[in-house]
PDB file of all heavy atoms in Angstrom:
ATOM      1  N   ILE A   1      39.109  20.760 -66.857  1.00  0.00           N
ATOM      2  CA  ILE A   1      38.780  19.858 -65.753  1.00  0.00           C
ATOM      3  C   ILE A   1      37.294  19.528 -65.760  1.00  0.00           C
ATOM      4  O   ILE A   1      36.892  18.369 -65.564  1.00  0.00           O
ATOM      5  CB  ILE A   1      39.205  20.487 -64.412  1.00  0.00           C
ATOM      6  CG1 ILE A   1      40.729  20.565 -64.319  1.00  0.00           C
ATOM      7  CG2 ILE A   1      38.647  19.688 -63.237  1.00  0.00           C
ATOM      8  CD1 ILE A   1      41.231  21.334 -63.121  1.00  0.00           C
ATOM      9  N   LYS A   2      36.461  20.539 -66.019  1.00  0.00           N
ATOM     10  CA  LYS A   2      35.012  20.300 -66.073  1.00  0.00           C
ATOM     11  C   LYS A   2      34.672  19.332 -67.197  1.00  0.00           C
ATOM     12  O   LYS A   2      33.870  18.399 -67.021  1.00  0.00           O
ATOM     13  CB  LYS A   2      34.299  21.636 -66.262  1.00  0.00           C
ATOM     14  CG  LYS A   2      32.783  21.580 -66.072  1.00  0.00           C
ATOM     15  CD  LYS A   2      32.063  21.260 -67.350  1.00  0.00           C
ATOM     16  CE  LYS A   2      30.568  21.095 -67.117  1.00  0.00           C
ATOM     17  NZ  LYS A   2      29.871  20.548 -68.304  1.00  0.00           N
ATOM     18  N   SER A   3      35.280  19.514 -68.371  1.00  0.00           N
ATOM     19  CA  SER A   3      35.014  18.636 -69.507  1.00  0.00           C
ATOM     20  C   SER A   3      35.514  17.223 -69.231  1.00  0.00           C
ATOM     21  O   SER A   3      34.855  16.244 -69.588  1.00  0.00           O
ATOM     22  CB  SER A   3      35.683  19.193 -70.773  1.00  0.00           C
ATOM     23  OG  SER A   3      35.175  20.469 -71.095  1.00  0.00           O
ATOM     24  N   SER A   4      36.691  17.112 -68.594  1.00  0.00           N
ATOM     25  CA  SER A   4      37.240  15.780 -68.309  1.00  0.00           C
ATOM     26  C   SER A   4      36.380  15.030 -67.300  1.00  0.00           C
ATOM     27  O   SER A   4      36.203  13.812 -67.408  1.00  0.00           O
ATOM     28  CB  SER A   4      38.676  15.900 -67.789  1.00  0.00           C
ATOM     29  OG  SER A   4      38.706  16.568 -66.542  1.00  0.00           O
ATOM     30  N   ILE A   5      35.824  15.746 -66.311  1.00  0.00           N
ATOM     31  CA  ILE A   5      34.932  15.105 -65.347  1.00  0.00           C
ATOM     32  C   ILE A   5      33.685  14.577 -66.052  1.00  0.00           C
ATOM     33  O   ILE A   5      33.226  13.454 -65.801  1.00  0.00           O
ATOM     34  CB  ILE A   5      34.556  16.080 -64.218  1.00  0.00           C
ATOM     35  CG1 ILE A   5      35.782  16.383 -63.352  1.00  0.00           C
ATOM     36  CG2 ILE A   5      33.424  15.511 -63.357  1.00  0.00           C
ATOM     37  CD1 ILE A   5      35.549  17.462 -62.313  1.00  0.00           C
ATOM     38  N   SER A   6      33.138  15.375 -66.974  1.00  0.00           N
ATOM     39  CA  SER A   6      31.965  14.937 -67.733  1.00  0.00           C
ATOM     40  C   SER A   6      32.285  13.698 -68.561  1.00  0.00           C
ATOM     41  O   SER A   6      31.478  12.760 -68.637  1.00  0.00           O
ATOM     42  CB  SER A   6      31.487  16.071 -68.654  1.00  0.00           C
ATOM     43  OG  SER A   6      31.095  17.203 -67.918  1.00  0.00           O
ATOM     44  N   ILE A   7      33.472  13.676 -69.179  1.00  0.00           N
ATOM     45  CA  ILE A   7      33.869  12.528 -69.997  1.00  0.00           C
ATOM     46  C   ILE A   7      34.042  11.283 -69.133  1.00  0.00           C
ATOM     47  O   ILE A   7      33.615  10.178 -69.507  1.00  0.00           O
ATOM     48  CB  ILE A   7      35.160  12.845 -70.773  1.00  0.00           C
ATOM     49  CG1 ILE A   7      34.893  13.912 -71.837  1.00  0.00           C
ATOM     50  CG2 ILE A   7      35.730  11.592 -71.430  1.00  0.00           C
ATOM     51  CD1 ILE A   7      36.137  14.432 -72.519  1.00  0.00           C
ATOM     52  N   MET A   8      34.667  11.436 -67.968  1.00  0.00           N
ATOM     53  CA  MET A   8      34.876  10.278 -67.084  1.00  0.00           C
ATOM     54  C   MET A   8      33.546   9.731 -66.572  1.00  0.00           C
ATOM     55  O   MET A   8      33.353   8.510 -66.493  1.00  0.00           O
ATOM     56  CB  MET A   8      35.788  10.667 -65.915  1.00  0.00           C
ATOM     57  CG  MET A   8      37.248  10.815 -66.303  1.00  0.00           C
ATOM     58  SD  MET A   8      38.348  11.029 -64.888  1.00  0.00           S
ATOM     59  CE  MET A   8      37.887  12.671 -64.331  1.00  0.00           C
ATOM     60  N   LEU A   9      32.601  10.619 -66.241  1.00  0.00           N
ATOM     61  CA  LEU A   9      31.284  10.164 -65.803  1.00  0.00           C
ATOM     62  C   LEU A   9      30.564   9.451 -66.936  1.00  0.00           C
ATOM     63  O   LEU A   9      29.892   8.426 -66.725  1.00  0.00           O
ATOM     64  CB  LEU A   9      30.455  11.358 -65.306  1.00  0.00           C
ATOM     65  CG  LEU A   9      30.904  11.985 -63.987  1.00  0.00           C
ATOM     66  CD1 LEU A   9      30.076  13.221 -63.679  1.00  0.00           C
ATOM     67  CD2 LEU A   9      30.785  10.980 -62.849  1.00  0.00           C
ATOM     68  N   HIS A  10      30.705  10.004 -68.153  1.00  0.00           N
ATOM     69  CA  HIS A  10      30.099   9.352 -69.320  1.00  0.00           C
ATOM     70  C   HIS A  10      30.683   7.961 -69.525  1.00  0.00           C
ATOM     71  O   HIS A  10      29.942   6.992 -69.779  1.00  0.00           O
ATOM     72  CB  HIS A  10      30.349  10.208 -70.564  1.00  0.00           C
ATOM     73  CG  HIS A  10      30.157   9.465 -71.856  1.00  0.00           C
ATOM     74  ND1 HIS A  10      28.910   9.145 -72.351  1.00  0.00           N
ATOM     75  CD2 HIS A  10      31.062   8.962 -72.741  1.00  0.00           C
ATOM     76  CE1 HIS A  10      29.046   8.484 -73.498  1.00  0.00           C
ATOM     77  NE2 HIS A  10      30.338   8.364 -73.749  1.00  0.00           N
ATOM     78  N   LEU A  11      31.992   7.846 -69.394  1.00  0.00           N
ATOM     79  CA  LEU A  11      32.649   6.548 -69.571  1.00  0.00           C
ATOM     80  C   LEU A  11      32.184   5.568 -68.497  1.00  0.00           C
ATOM     81  O   LEU A  11      31.903   4.399 -68.793  1.00  0.00           O
ATOM     82  CB  LEU A  11      34.169   6.721 -69.512  1.00  0.00           C
ATOM     83  CG  LEU A  11      35.010   5.439 -69.613  1.00  0.00           C
ATOM     84  CD1 LEU A  11      34.766   4.745 -70.946  1.00  0.00           C
ATOM     85  CD2 LEU A  11      36.491   5.769 -69.446  1.00  0.00           C
ATOM     86  N   TYR A  12      32.076   6.036 -67.264  1.00  0.00           N
ATOM     87  CA  TYR A  12      31.644   5.165 -66.169  1.00  0.00           C
ATOM     88  C   TYR A  12      30.223   4.644 -66.415  1.00  0.00           C
ATOM     89  O   TYR A  12      29.959   3.435 -66.293  1.00  0.00           O
ATOM     90  CB  TYR A  12      31.711   5.930 -64.849  1.00  0.00           C
ATOM     91  CG  TYR A  12      31.112   5.182 -63.679  1.00  0.00           C
ATOM     92  CD1 TYR A  12      31.812   4.143 -63.068  1.00  0.00           C
ATOM     93  CD2 TYR A  12      29.844   5.505 -63.198  1.00  0.00           C
ATOM     94  CE1 TYR A  12      31.267   3.446 -62.002  1.00  0.00           C
ATOM     95  CE2 TYR A  12      29.295   4.813 -62.139  1.00  0.00           C
ATOM     96  CZ  TYR A  12      30.002   3.792 -61.545  1.00  0.00           C
ATOM     97  OH  TYR A  12      29.456   3.105 -60.493  1.00  0.00           O
ATOM     98  N   HIS A  13      29.311   5.555 -66.765  1.00  0.00           N
ATOM     99  CA  HIS A  13      27.926   5.138 -67.004  1.00  0.00           C
ATOM    100  C   HIS A  13      27.824   4.219 -68.216  1.00  0.00           C
ATOM    101  O   HIS A  13      27.033   3.274 -68.224  1.00  0.00           O
ATOM    102  CB  HIS A  13      27.037   6.369 -67.195  1.00  0.00           C
ATOM    103  CG  HIS A  13      26.843   7.172 -65.951  1.00  0.00           C
ATOM    104  ND1 HIS A  13      26.400   6.623 -64.762  1.00  0.00           N
ATOM    105  CD2 HIS A  13      27.049   8.497 -65.696  1.00  0.00           C
ATOM    106  CE1 HIS A  13      26.323   7.558 -63.837  1.00  0.00           C
ATOM    107  NE2 HIS A  13      26.722   8.703 -64.375  1.00  0.00           N
ATOM    108  N   HIS A  14      28.637   4.512 -69.244  1.00  0.00           N
ATOM    109  CA  HIS A  14      28.622   3.673 -70.447  1.00  0.00           C
ATOM    110  C   HIS A  14      29.074   2.250 -70.122  1.00  0.00           C
ATOM    111  O   HIS A  14      28.462   1.275 -70.566  1.00  0.00           O
ATOM    112  CB  HIS A  14      29.525   4.282 -71.524  1.00  0.00           C
ATOM    113  CG  HIS A  14      29.480   3.549 -72.830  1.00  0.00           C
ATOM    114  ND1 HIS A  14      28.497   3.773 -73.762  1.00  0.00           N
ATOM    115  CD2 HIS A  14      30.287   2.596 -73.351  1.00  0.00           C
ATOM    116  CE1 HIS A  14      28.698   2.980 -74.811  1.00  0.00           C
ATOM    117  NE2 HIS A  14      29.785   2.264 -74.581  1.00  0.00           N
ATOM    118  N   LEU A  15      30.134   2.129 -69.345  1.00  0.00           N
ATOM    119  CA  LEU A  15      30.631   0.810 -68.971  1.00  0.00           C
ATOM    120  C   LEU A  15      29.632   0.076 -68.081  1.00  0.00           C
ATOM    121  O   LEU A  15      29.465  -1.145 -68.185  1.00  0.00           O
ATOM    122  CB  LEU A  15      31.985   0.939 -68.271  1.00  0.00           C
ATOM    123  CG  LEU A  15      33.145   1.447 -69.140  1.00  0.00           C
ATOM    124  CD1 LEU A  15      34.395   1.626 -68.294  1.00  0.00           C
ATOM    125  CD2 LEU A  15      33.420   0.492 -70.296  1.00  0.00           C
ATOM    126  N   GLN A  16      28.960   0.815 -67.201  1.00  0.00           N
ATOM    127  CA  GLN A  16      27.946   0.193 -66.358  1.00  0.00           C
ATOM    128  C   GLN A  16      26.774  -0.317 -67.190  1.00  0.00           C
ATOM    129  O   GLN A  16      26.258  -1.418 -66.953  1.00  0.00           O
ATOM    130  CB  GLN A  16      27.442   1.208 -65.309  1.00  0.00           C
ATOM    131  CG  GLN A  16      28.453   1.545 -64.234  1.00  0.00           C
ATOM    132  CD  GLN A  16      28.795   0.348 -63.350  1.00  0.00           C
ATOM    133  OE1 GLN A  16      27.924  -0.422 -62.963  1.00  0.00           O
ATOM    134  NE2 GLN A  16      30.077   0.179 -63.045  1.00  0.00           N
ATOM    135  N   ASP A  17      26.366   0.477 -68.184  1.00  0.00           N
ATOM    136  CA  ASP A  17      25.275   0.052 -69.065  1.00  0.00           C
ATOM    137  C   ASP A  17      25.666  -1.173 -69.878  1.00  0.00           C
ATOM    138  O   ASP A  17      24.865  -2.087 -70.089  1.00  0.00           O
ATOM    139  CB  ASP A  17      24.873   1.197 -70.000  1.00  0.00           C
ATOM    140  CG  ASP A  17      24.233   2.349 -69.255  1.00  0.00           C
ATOM    141  OD1 ASP A  17      23.759   2.123 -68.116  1.00  0.00           O
ATOM    142  OD2 ASP A  17      24.214   3.473 -69.796  1.00  0.00           O
ATOM    143  N   MET A  18      26.918  -1.186 -70.368  1.00  0.00           N
ATOM    144  CA  MET A  18      27.399  -2.342 -71.130  1.00  0.00           C
ATOM    145  C   MET A  18      27.405  -3.590 -70.259  1.00  0.00           C
ATOM    146  O   MET A  18      27.002  -4.680 -70.689  1.00  0.00           O
ATOM    147  CB  MET A  18      28.810  -2.068 -71.668  1.00  0.00           C
ATOM    148  CG  MET A  18      28.856  -1.116 -72.853  1.00  0.00           C
ATOM    149  SD  MET A  18      30.556  -0.617 -73.270  1.00  0.00           S
ATOM    150  CE  MET A  18      31.356  -2.201 -73.402  1.00  0.00           C
ATOM    151  N   LYS A  19      27.850  -3.439 -69.019  1.00  0.00           N
ATOM    152  CA  LYS A  19      27.918  -4.584 -68.108  1.00  0.00           C
ATOM    153  C   LYS A  19      26.520  -5.103 -67.784  1.00  0.00           C
ATOM    154  O   LYS A  19      26.279  -6.319 -67.741  1.00  0.00           O
ATOM    155  CB  LYS A  19      28.644  -4.173 -66.825  1.00  0.00           C
ATOM    156  CG  LYS A  19      28.869  -5.326 -65.856  1.00  0.00           C
ATOM    157  CD  LYS A  19      29.665  -4.849 -64.655  1.00  0.00           C
ATOM    158  CE  LYS A  19      29.887  -5.994 -63.671  1.00  0.00           C
ATOM    159  NZ  LYS A  19      30.655  -5.549 -62.480  1.00  0.00           N
ATOM    160  N   ALA A  20      25.572  -4.181 -67.585  1.00  0.00           N
ATOM    161  CA  ALA A  20      24.209  -4.588 -67.259  1.00  0.00           C
ATOM    162  C   ALA A  20      23.522  -5.261 -68.448  1.00  0.00           C
ATOM    163  O   ALA A  20      22.796  -6.241 -68.286  1.00  0.00           O
ATOM    164  CB  ALA A  20      23.400  -3.375 -66.809  1.00  0.00           C
ATOM    165  N   SER A  21      23.770  -4.730 -69.644  1.00  0.00           N
ATOM    166  CA  SER A  21      23.108  -5.274 -70.835  1.00  0.00           C
ATOM    167  C   SER A  21      23.649  -6.639 -71.232  1.00  0.00           C
ATOM    168  O   SER A  21      22.988  -7.392 -71.939  1.00  0.00           O
ATOM    169  CB  SER A  21      23.253  -4.307 -72.011  1.00  0.00           C
ATOM    170  OG  SER A  21      24.621  -4.148 -72.348  1.00  0.00           O
ATOM    171  N   THR A  22      24.880  -6.949 -70.795  1.00  0.00           N
ATOM    172  CA  THR A  22      25.485  -8.243 -71.151  1.00  0.00           C
ATOM    173  C   THR A  22      25.567  -9.183 -69.959  1.00  0.00           C
ATOM    174  O   THR A  22      26.245 -10.193 -70.006  1.00  0.00           O
ATOM    175  CB  THR A  22      26.897  -8.023 -71.721  1.00  0.00           C
ATOM    176  OG1 THR A  22      27.675  -7.287 -70.761  1.00  0.00           O
ATOM    177  CG2 THR A  22      26.847  -7.255 -73.036  1.00  0.00           C
ATOM    178  N   ASN A  23      24.874  -8.812 -68.850  1.00  0.00           N
ATOM    179  CA  ASN A  23      24.872  -9.638 -67.631  1.00  0.00           C
ATOM    180  C   ASN A  23      26.279  -9.941 -67.122  1.00  0.00           C
ATOM    181  O   ASN A  23      26.594 -11.059 -66.725  1.00  0.00           O
ATOM    182  CB  ASN A  23      24.124 -10.949 -67.887  1.00  0.00           C
ATOM    183  CG  ASN A  23      22.659 -10.713 -68.164  1.00  0.00           C
ATOM    184  OD1 ASN A  23      22.045  -9.846 -67.555  1.00  0.00           O
ATOM    185  ND2 ASN A  23      22.094 -11.461 -69.104  1.00  0.00           N
ATOM    186  N   GLY A  24      27.149  -8.936 -67.202  1.00  0.00           N
ATOM    187  CA  GLY A  24      28.508  -9.092 -66.698  1.00  0.00           C
ATOM    188  C   GLY A  24      29.481  -9.646 -67.698  1.00  0.00           C
ATOM    189  O   GLY A  24      30.679  -9.700 -67.445  1.00  0.00           O
ATOM    190  N   ALA A  25      28.991 -10.089 -68.851  1.00  0.00           N
ATOM    191  CA  ALA A  25      29.907 -10.596 -69.874  1.00  0.00           C
ATOM    192  C   ALA A  25      30.623  -9.445 -70.546  1.00  0.00           C
ATOM    193  O   ALA A  25      30.227  -8.290 -70.426  1.00  0.00           O
ATOM    194  CB  ALA A  25      29.135 -11.409 -70.911  1.00  0.00           C
ATOM    195  N   ARG A  26      31.660  -9.772 -71.287  1.00  0.00           N
ATOM    196  CA  ARG A  26      32.451  -8.729 -71.942  1.00  0.00           C
ATOM    197  C   ARG A  26      31.669  -8.155 -73.119  1.00  0.00           C
ATOM    198  O   ARG A  26      31.295  -8.873 -74.042  1.00  0.00           O
ATOM    199  CB  ARG A  26      33.768  -9.314 -72.437  1.00  0.00           C
ATOM    200  CG  ARG A  26      34.694  -8.247 -73.017  1.00  0.00           C
ATOM    201  CD  ARG A  26      36.037  -8.833 -73.368  1.00  0.00           C
ATOM    202  NE  ARG A  26      36.935  -7.829 -73.876  1.00  0.00           N
ATOM    203  CZ  ARG A  26      38.180  -8.084 -74.255  1.00  0.00           C
ATOM    204  NH1 ARG A  26      38.676  -9.297 -74.147  1.00  0.00           N
ATOM    205  NH2 ARG A  26      38.943  -7.103 -74.713  1.00  0.00           N
ATOM    206  N   GLY A  27      31.385  -6.886 -73.060  1.00  0.00           N
ATOM    207  CA  GLY A  27      30.604  -6.235 -74.103  1.00  0.00           C
ATOM    208  C   GLY A  27      31.447  -5.759 -75.252  1.00  0.00           C
ATOM    209  O   GLY A  27      32.651  -5.996 -75.298  1.00  0.00           O
ATOM    210  N   PRO A  28      30.834  -5.067 -76.207  1.00  0.00           N
ATOM    211  CA  PRO A  28      31.562  -4.573 -77.368  1.00  0.00           C
ATOM    212  C   PRO A  28      32.544  -3.477 -76.983  1.00  0.00           C
ATOM    213  O   PRO A  28      32.347  -2.760 -76.007  1.00  0.00           O
ATOM    214  CB  PRO A  28      30.454  -4.022 -78.274  1.00  0.00           C
ATOM    215  CG  PRO A  28      29.334  -3.701 -77.332  1.00  0.00           C
ATOM    216  CD  PRO A  28      29.411  -4.735 -76.242  1.00  0.00           C
ATOM    217  N   LYS A  29      33.597  -3.353 -77.754  1.00  0.00           N
ATOM    218  CA  LYS A  29      34.622  -2.349 -77.484  1.00  0.00           C
ATOM    219  C   LYS A  29      34.144  -0.954 -77.893  1.00  0.00           C
ATOM    220  O   LYS A  29      33.314  -0.804 -78.780  1.00  0.00           O
ATOM    221  CB  LYS A  29      35.903  -2.694 -78.239  1.00  0.00           C
ATOM    222  CG  LYS A  29      36.566  -3.987 -77.763  1.00  0.00           C
ATOM    223  CD  LYS A  29      37.849  -4.227 -78.542  1.00  0.00           C
ATOM    224  CE  LYS A  29      38.533  -5.504 -78.058  1.00  0.00           C
ATOM    225  NZ  LYS A  29      39.783  -5.773 -78.801  1.00  0.00           N
ATOM    226  N   LEU A  30      34.715   0.056 -77.240  1.00  0.00           N
ATOM    227  CA  LEU A  30      34.392   1.430 -77.597  1.00  0.00           C
ATOM    228  C   LEU A  30      35.140   1.894 -78.828  1.00  0.00           C
ATOM    229  O   LEU A  30      34.791   2.898 -79.423  1.00  0.00           O
ATOM    230  CB  LEU A  30      34.719   2.356 -76.414  1.00  0.00           C
ATOM    231  CG  LEU A  30      33.763   2.273 -75.221  1.00  0.00           C
ATOM    232  CD1 LEU A  30      34.325   3.097 -74.085  1.00  0.00           C
ATOM    233  CD2 LEU A  30      32.391   2.745 -75.603  1.00  0.00           C
ATOM    234  N   GLY A  31      36.189   1.163 -79.212  1.00  0.00           N
ATOM    235  CA  GLY A  31      36.932   1.511 -80.420  1.00  0.00           C
ATOM    236  C   GLY A  31      37.595   2.858 -80.319  1.00  0.00           C
ATOM    237  O   GLY A  31      38.236   3.202 -79.330  1.00  0.00           O
ATOM    238  N   THR A  32      37.415   3.675 -81.372  1.00  0.00           N
ATOM    239  CA  THR A  32      38.062   4.977 -81.441  1.00  0.00           C
ATOM    240  C   THR A  32      37.627   5.892 -80.301  1.00  0.00           C
ATOM    241  O   THR A  32      38.401   6.725 -79.838  1.00  0.00           O
ATOM    242  CB  THR A  32      37.752   5.642 -82.793  1.00  0.00           C
ATOM    243  OG1 THR A  32      38.198   4.776 -83.831  1.00  0.00           O
ATOM    244  CG2 THR A  32      38.460   6.974 -82.921  1.00  0.00           C
ATOM    245  N   GLN A  33      36.376   5.762 -79.842  1.00  0.00           N
ATOM    246  CA  GLN A  33      35.919   6.604 -78.741  1.00  0.00           C
ATOM    247  C   GLN A  33      36.803   6.446 -77.513  1.00  0.00           C
ATOM    248  O   GLN A  33      37.135   7.423 -76.852  1.00  0.00           O
ATOM    249  CB  GLN A  33      34.472   6.258 -78.395  1.00  0.00           C
ATOM    250  CG  GLN A  33      33.457   6.805 -79.374  1.00  0.00           C
ATOM    251  CD  GLN A  33      32.057   6.754 -78.815  1.00  0.00           C
ATOM    252  OE1 GLN A  33      31.859   6.486 -77.625  1.00  0.00           O
ATOM    253  NE2 GLN A  33      31.080   7.003 -79.649  1.00  0.00           N
ATOM    254  N   MET A  34      37.173   5.210 -77.210  1.00  0.00           N
ATOM    255  CA  MET A  34      38.019   4.977 -76.037  1.00  0.00           C
ATOM    256  C   MET A  34      39.381   5.616 -76.220  1.00  0.00           C
ATOM    257  O   MET A  34      39.939   6.192 -75.272  1.00  0.00           O
ATOM    258  CB  MET A  34      38.171   3.467 -75.806  1.00  0.00           C
ATOM    259  CG  MET A  34      38.797   3.132 -74.471  1.00  0.00           C
ATOM    260  SD  MET A  34      37.736   3.689 -73.113  1.00  0.00           S
ATOM    261  CE  MET A  34      38.894   3.711 -71.758  1.00  0.00           C
ATOM    262  N   ARG A  35      39.920   5.546 -77.421  1.00  0.00           N
ATOM    263  CA  ARG A  35      41.228   6.160 -77.685  1.00  0.00           C
ATOM    264  C   ARG A  35      41.143   7.679 -77.556  1.00  0.00           C
ATOM    265  O   ARG A  35      42.044   8.327 -77.020  1.00  0.00           O
ATOM    266  CB  ARG A  35      41.724   5.755 -79.073  1.00  0.00           C
ATOM    267  CG  ARG A  35      43.218   5.990 -79.275  1.00  0.00           C
ATOM    268  CD  ARG A  35      43.668   5.478 -80.630  1.00  0.00           C
ATOM    269  NE  ARG A  35      45.094   5.571 -80.794  1.00  0.00           N
ATOM    270  CZ  ARG A  35      45.956   4.615 -80.510  1.00  0.00           C
ATOM    271  NH1 ARG A  35      45.512   3.473 -80.000  1.00  0.00           N
ATOM    272  NH2 ARG A  35      47.253   4.786 -80.695  1.00  0.00           N
ATOM    273  N   VAL A  36      40.044   8.254 -78.048  1.00  0.00           N
ATOM    274  CA  VAL A  36      39.847   9.696 -77.937  1.00  0.00           C
ATOM    275  C   VAL A  36      39.690  10.103 -76.476  1.00  0.00           C
ATOM    276  O   VAL A  36      40.214  11.128 -76.039  1.00  0.00           O
ATOM    277  CB  VAL A  36      38.614  10.139 -78.760  1.00  0.00           C
ATOM    278  CG1 VAL A  36      38.238  11.578 -78.446  1.00  0.00           C
ATOM    279  CG2 VAL A  36      38.890   9.998 -80.248  1.00  0.00           C
ATOM    280  N   ILE A  37      38.974   9.291 -75.716  1.00  0.00           N
ATOM    281  CA  ILE A  37      38.815   9.577 -74.288  1.00  0.00           C
ATOM    282  C   ILE A  37      40.169   9.567 -73.583  1.00  0.00           C
ATOM    283  O   ILE A  37      40.486  10.459 -72.789  1.00  0.00           O
ATOM    284  CB  ILE A  37      37.858   8.551 -73.642  1.00  0.00           C
ATOM    285  CG1 ILE A  37      36.423   8.792 -74.128  1.00  0.00           C
ATOM    286  CG2 ILE A  37      37.918   8.629 -72.125  1.00  0.00           C
ATOM    287  CD1 ILE A  37      35.441   7.722 -73.708  1.00  0.00           C
ATOM    288  N   LYS A  38      40.982   8.549 -73.871  1.00  0.00           N
ATOM    289  CA  LYS A  38      42.317   8.479 -73.273  1.00  0.00           C
ATOM    290  C   LYS A  38      43.158   9.689 -73.666  1.00  0.00           C
ATOM    291  O   LYS A  38      43.859  10.278 -72.831  1.00  0.00           O
ATOM    292  CB  LYS A  38      43.014   7.194 -73.711  1.00  0.00           C
ATOM    293  CG  LYS A  38      42.446   5.918 -73.109  1.00  0.00           C
ATOM    294  CD  LYS A  38      43.195   4.695 -73.613  1.00  0.00           C
ATOM    295  CE  LYS A  38      42.644   3.406 -73.018  1.00  0.00           C
ATOM    296  NZ  LYS A  38      43.366   2.211 -73.543  1.00  0.00           N
ATOM    297  N   MET A  39      43.104  10.068 -74.948  1.00  0.00           N
ATOM    298  CA  MET A  39      43.873  11.217 -75.414  1.00  0.00           C
ATOM    299  C   MET A  39      43.427  12.495 -74.707  1.00  0.00           C
ATOM    300  O   MET A  39      44.255  13.302 -74.246  1.00  0.00           O
ATOM    301  CB  MET A  39      43.716  11.388 -76.923  1.00  0.00           C
ATOM    302  CG  MET A  39      44.504  12.565 -77.496  1.00  0.00           C
ATOM    303  SD  MET A  39      43.905  13.116 -79.104  1.00  0.00           S
ATOM    304  CE  MET A  39      42.381  13.920 -78.649  1.00  0.00           C
ATOM    305  N   THR A  40      42.102  12.682 -74.601  1.00  0.00           N
ATOM    306  CA  THR A  40      41.576  13.896 -73.990  1.00  0.00           C
ATOM    307  C   THR A  40      41.969  13.992 -72.522  1.00  0.00           C
ATOM    308  O   THR A  40      42.416  15.049 -72.055  1.00  0.00           O
ATOM    309  CB  THR A  40      40.043  13.931 -74.119  1.00  0.00           C
ATOM    310  OG1 THR A  40      39.675  13.778 -75.498  1.00  0.00           O
ATOM    311  CG2 THR A  40      39.486  15.240 -73.612  1.00  0.00           C
ATOM    312  N   LEU A  41      41.814  12.898 -71.793  1.00  0.00           N
ATOM    313  CA  LEU A  41      42.164  12.905 -70.370  1.00  0.00           C
ATOM    314  C   LEU A  41      43.671  13.090 -70.176  1.00  0.00           C
ATOM    315  O   LEU A  41      44.096  13.770 -69.237  1.00  0.00           O
ATOM    316  CB  LEU A  41      41.696  11.608 -69.714  1.00  0.00           C
ATOM    317  CG  LEU A  41      40.179  11.378 -69.689  1.00  0.00           C
ATOM    318  CD1 LEU A  41      39.844  10.053 -69.020  1.00  0.00           C
ATOM    319  CD2 LEU A  41      39.461  12.526 -68.983  1.00  0.00           C
ATOM    320  N   THR A  42      44.469  12.514 -71.072  1.00  0.00           N
ATOM    321  CA  THR A  42      45.922  12.707 -70.990  1.00  0.00           C
ATOM    322  C   THR A  42      46.282  14.162 -71.242  1.00  0.00           C
ATOM    323  O   THR A  42      47.142  14.733 -70.552  1.00  0.00           O
ATOM    324  CB  THR A  42      46.640  11.813 -72.016  1.00  0.00           C
ATOM    325  OG1 THR A  42      46.287  10.448 -71.790  1.00  0.00           O
ATOM    326  CG2 THR A  42      48.158  11.962 -71.886  1.00  0.00           C
TER     327      THR A  42
END
C-alpha cells in the first residue's frame, strides 16, 4: 500500500508536469511505464 501510494503520487505529479509543459495540450505517452504502473496497482 505504501509503494502504491508513492506510485500514484508520482503518476499524478508526472501528469501535472506534462500538462504544464504543454500548456494543456496532449503530451507524450508514458509507454511501458504506464503499463507497469497499471500492473503494479492492480
